[in-house]
Protein backbone atom coordinates (compact mmCIF):
# COMPACT_ATOMS: atom_id res chain seq x y z
CA UNK A 1 -9.86 26.07 -0.60
CA UNK A 2 -7.98 22.84 -0.76
CA UNK A 3 -4.78 22.48 -2.72
CA UNK A 4 -5.02 20.63 -5.94
CA UNK A 5 -4.03 16.96 -5.65
CA UNK A 6 -0.85 15.83 -7.42
CA UNK A 7 -1.07 13.27 -10.22
CA UNK A 8 0.26 9.95 -8.95
CA UNK A 9 1.72 7.75 -11.73
CA UNK A 10 4.19 4.88 -12.15
CA UNK A 11 7.81 6.06 -12.75
CA UNK A 12 9.38 5.35 -16.05
CA UNK A 13 13.12 4.97 -17.04
CA UNK A 14 13.01 8.44 -18.51
CA UNK A 15 12.17 9.79 -15.07
CA UNK A 16 15.45 8.44 -13.49
CA UNK A 17 17.36 11.71 -13.37
CA UNK A 18 14.65 13.69 -11.60
CA UNK A 19 13.78 10.87 -9.29
CA UNK A 20 17.40 10.47 -8.29
CA UNK A 21 17.61 14.11 -7.49
CA UNK A 22 14.47 13.89 -5.25
CA UNK A 23 15.88 10.90 -3.40
CA UNK A 24 19.44 12.10 -3.05
CA UNK A 25 18.51 15.61 -1.96
CA UNK A 26 15.89 14.23 0.56
CA UNK A 27 18.17 11.62 2.24
CA UNK A 28 21.66 12.99 1.99
CA UNK A 29 23.39 16.25 2.98
CA UNK A 30 25.95 17.50 0.44
CA UNK A 31 27.46 20.26 2.56
CA UNK A 32 31.08 20.35 3.76
CA UNK A 33 33.23 17.25 3.10
CA UNK A 34 30.11 15.29 1.95
CA UNK A 35 30.24 17.49 -1.17
CA UNK A 36 33.07 15.28 -2.46
CA UNK A 37 31.28 11.95 -1.95
CA UNK A 38 27.80 13.20 -3.00
CA UNK A 39 28.32 12.35 -6.72
CA UNK A 40 29.10 8.72 -5.80
CA UNK A 41 25.99 8.49 -3.56
CA UNK A 42 23.89 9.96 -6.33
CA UNK A 43 25.29 7.48 -8.87
CA UNK A 44 24.65 4.55 -6.59
CA UNK A 45 21.14 5.60 -5.95
CA UNK A 46 20.49 6.13 -9.68
CA UNK A 47 21.88 2.72 -10.72
CA UNK A 48 19.86 0.86 -7.96
CA UNK A 49 16.74 2.56 -9.02
CA UNK A 50 17.48 2.01 -12.67
CA UNK A 51 17.85 -1.82 -12.04
CA UNK A 52 14.57 -1.96 -10.12
CA UNK A 53 12.74 -0.23 -12.88
CA UNK A 54 14.29 -2.26 -15.63
CA UNK A 55 13.38 -5.55 -13.85
CA UNK A 56 9.63 -4.75 -14.40
CA UNK A 57 8.64 -7.03 -11.63
CA UNK A 58 4.80 -7.32 -11.00
CA UNK A 59 5.63 -7.24 -7.27
CA UNK A 60 7.33 -3.80 -7.37
CA UNK A 61 6.18 -0.29 -8.14
CA UNK A 62 7.90 3.12 -8.07
CA UNK A 63 5.34 5.78 -7.89
CA UNK A 64 5.89 9.48 -8.28
CA UNK A 65 3.88 12.60 -7.64
CA UNK A 66 3.62 15.23 -10.31
CA UNK A 67 2.35 18.60 -9.10
CA UNK A 68 -0.72 19.81 -10.97
CA UNK A 69 0.84 23.16 -11.79
CA UNK A 70 4.39 22.17 -12.69
CA UNK A 71 4.02 18.98 -14.84
CA UNK A 72 7.78 18.49 -15.63
CA UNK A 73 8.72 18.51 -11.81
CA UNK A 74 8.53 15.63 -9.58
CA UNK A 75 7.10 16.51 -6.19
CA UNK A 76 7.80 13.22 -4.50
CA UNK A 77 8.34 9.45 -4.92
CA UNK A 78 7.80 6.17 -3.05
CA UNK A 79 8.48 2.49 -3.78
CA UNK A 80 6.32 -0.47 -2.85
CA UNK A 81 7.20 -4.13 -3.11
CA UNK A 82 5.41 -7.31 -2.29
CA UNK A 83 7.21 -9.15 0.49
CA UNK A 84 6.61 -12.89 0.95
CA UNK A 85 8.60 -13.87 4.02
CA UNK A 86 9.35 -17.42 5.07
CA UNK A 87 6.45 -19.09 6.77
CA UNK A 88 7.96 -18.57 10.25
CA UNK A 89 8.45 -14.81 9.58
CA UNK A 90 4.79 -13.78 9.36
CA UNK A 91 2.31 -12.75 6.71
CA UNK A 92 2.84 -11.25 3.24
CA UNK A 93 2.89 -7.59 3.24
CA UNK A 94 3.64 -4.57 0.96
CA UNK A 95 6.92 -2.95 2.08
CA UNK A 96 6.99 0.75 1.55
CA UNK A 97 10.46 2.41 1.02
CA UNK A 98 12.12 5.54 -0.23
CA UNK A 99 9.32 7.92 0.46
CA UNK A 100 10.82 11.24 -0.40
CA UNK A 101 9.23 14.76 -1.07
CA UNK A 102 11.18 17.46 -2.87
CA UNK A 103 11.93 20.33 -0.61
CA UNK A 104 9.71 22.90 -2.46
CA UNK A 105 6.75 20.55 -2.19
CA UNK A 106 6.77 19.51 1.44
CA UNK A 107 3.89 20.06 3.79
CA UNK A 108 1.39 20.05 0.89
CA UNK A 109 -0.04 16.51 1.33
CA UNK A 110 2.25 14.90 -1.23
CA UNK A 111 3.61 12.20 1.16
CA UNK A 112 0.05 11.37 2.30
CA UNK A 113 -1.14 11.05 -1.31
CA UNK A 114 1.91 8.69 -2.03
CA UNK A 115 1.05 6.57 1.10
CA UNK A 116 -2.65 6.34 -0.04
CA UNK A 117 -1.41 5.19 -3.49
CA UNK A 118 0.58 2.44 -1.78
CA UNK A 119 -2.61 1.36 0.08
CA UNK A 120 -4.54 1.21 -3.27
CA UNK A 121 -1.70 -0.79 -4.81
CA UNK A 122 -1.65 -3.20 -1.96
CA UNK A 123 -5.36 -3.80 -2.25
CA UNK A 124 -4.93 -4.41 -6.04
CA UNK A 125 -2.34 -7.07 -5.09
CA UNK A 126 -4.83 -8.52 -2.51
CA UNK A 127 -2.49 -7.81 0.37
CA UNK A 128 -3.87 -6.12 3.48
CA UNK A 129 -0.78 -4.92 5.48
CA UNK A 130 1.73 -2.26 4.73
CA UNK A 131 5.10 -2.13 6.55
CA UNK A 132 7.96 0.34 6.48
CA UNK A 133 11.00 1.42 8.48
CA UNK A 134 11.73 4.89 9.98
CA UNK A 135 14.63 6.05 12.03
CA UNK A 136 13.82 6.62 15.63
CA UNK A 137 15.23 10.21 15.42
CA UNK A 138 13.10 11.17 12.39
CA UNK A 139 10.26 12.69 14.39
CA UNK A 140 8.58 14.38 11.46
CA UNK A 141 8.31 11.16 9.45
CA UNK A 142 7.07 9.36 12.52
CA UNK A 143 4.26 11.96 12.94
CA UNK A 144 3.31 11.55 9.24
CA UNK A 145 3.11 7.82 9.46
CA UNK A 146 1.21 7.87 12.79
CA UNK A 147 -1.34 10.26 11.18
CA UNK A 148 -1.65 7.89 8.31
CA UNK A 149 -2.52 5.01 10.69
CA UNK A 150 0.90 3.20 11.04
CA UNK A 151 1.92 1.78 14.42
CA UNK A 152 5.34 0.63 15.70
CA UNK A 153 5.51 -3.14 15.73
CA UNK A 154 9.26 -3.61 16.29
CA UNK A 155 12.37 -1.63 17.41
CA UNK A 156 15.60 -2.76 15.69
CA UNK A 157 19.11 -2.15 17.10
CA UNK A 158 22.26 -2.36 15.00
CA UNK A 159 25.92 -2.25 16.06
CA UNK A 160 25.94 1.39 15.01
CA UNK A 161 22.92 2.12 17.32
CA UNK A 162 24.51 0.29 20.11
CA UNK A 163 27.46 2.68 20.28
CA UNK A 164 25.37 5.83 19.44
CA UNK A 165 26.49 6.35 15.89
CA UNK A 166 23.07 5.85 14.43
CA UNK A 167 19.42 5.90 15.68
CA UNK A 168 17.51 2.73 16.01
CA UNK A 169 15.19 1.66 13.21
CA UNK A 170 11.46 1.36 13.88
CA UNK A 171 9.39 -1.12 11.99
CA UNK A 172 5.86 0.29 11.43
CA UNK A 173 2.82 -1.48 10.10
CA UNK A 174 -0.67 -0.64 8.98
CA UNK A 175 -3.30 -3.25 8.54
CA UNK A 176 -5.78 -2.59 5.70
CA UNK A 177 -9.42 -3.63 5.75
CA UNK A 178 -10.03 -6.37 3.19
CA UNK A 179 -13.08 -6.08 0.98
CA UNK A 180 -16.29 -7.46 2.43
CA UNK A 181 -17.10 -11.02 1.24
CA UNK A 182 -19.90 -11.59 -1.29
CA UNK A 183 -23.28 -12.26 0.51
C-alpha cells in the first residue's frame, strides 16, 4: 500500500518558526563548537525567509509539505522563484532553492512531491525550465534530482573549491514540456 501523500501548500508568516527549524536542521550541524553559532545562523535564516514571505512577490513561492497524519508538523519545504536573466544569460526559468525535508520524514517521497509542485507552479507561470544548484559532494540529493529528471548543465568553481575547502556547485536543469498548441 502506498504512503499517503502530503498536503503541499503555500507557506504563511505564521509558519516561520517551524520552517526555520526544518531549514536550519537540514543544512547546518549544531554539534561541537557550532552549537554556539547555531542561534545566529537560525536567526539569519528566519529573517531572510520572513522578508521573502512578506514581500508577497508574484514571482516567488515558498511551499511546504504537511504530513497527512501529523497536521501541525512540517515535513518539508522548498522555494521557487522566477528568474529573468539578462538577454545574454539565457532563457527565463524557475529557480528551485532550499529544498529541505525534516529528518523524521525523509525517504517518504516528500522531496519528490515538493519538486512536482515546483513543476506545476512553473507551468502556471508559463515557464518551461527548472534550475537548481546542488553541491558536488551531496550524492543523495544528486540521486534525487537525477531521478526527478534533472541533468547537470554547468559545474561552478569558487575560490573555496579551488583550495579544497568546499565542494563545487553543480547547476542542474530540467526542461518541462509546454502544453500542446490549440489545433
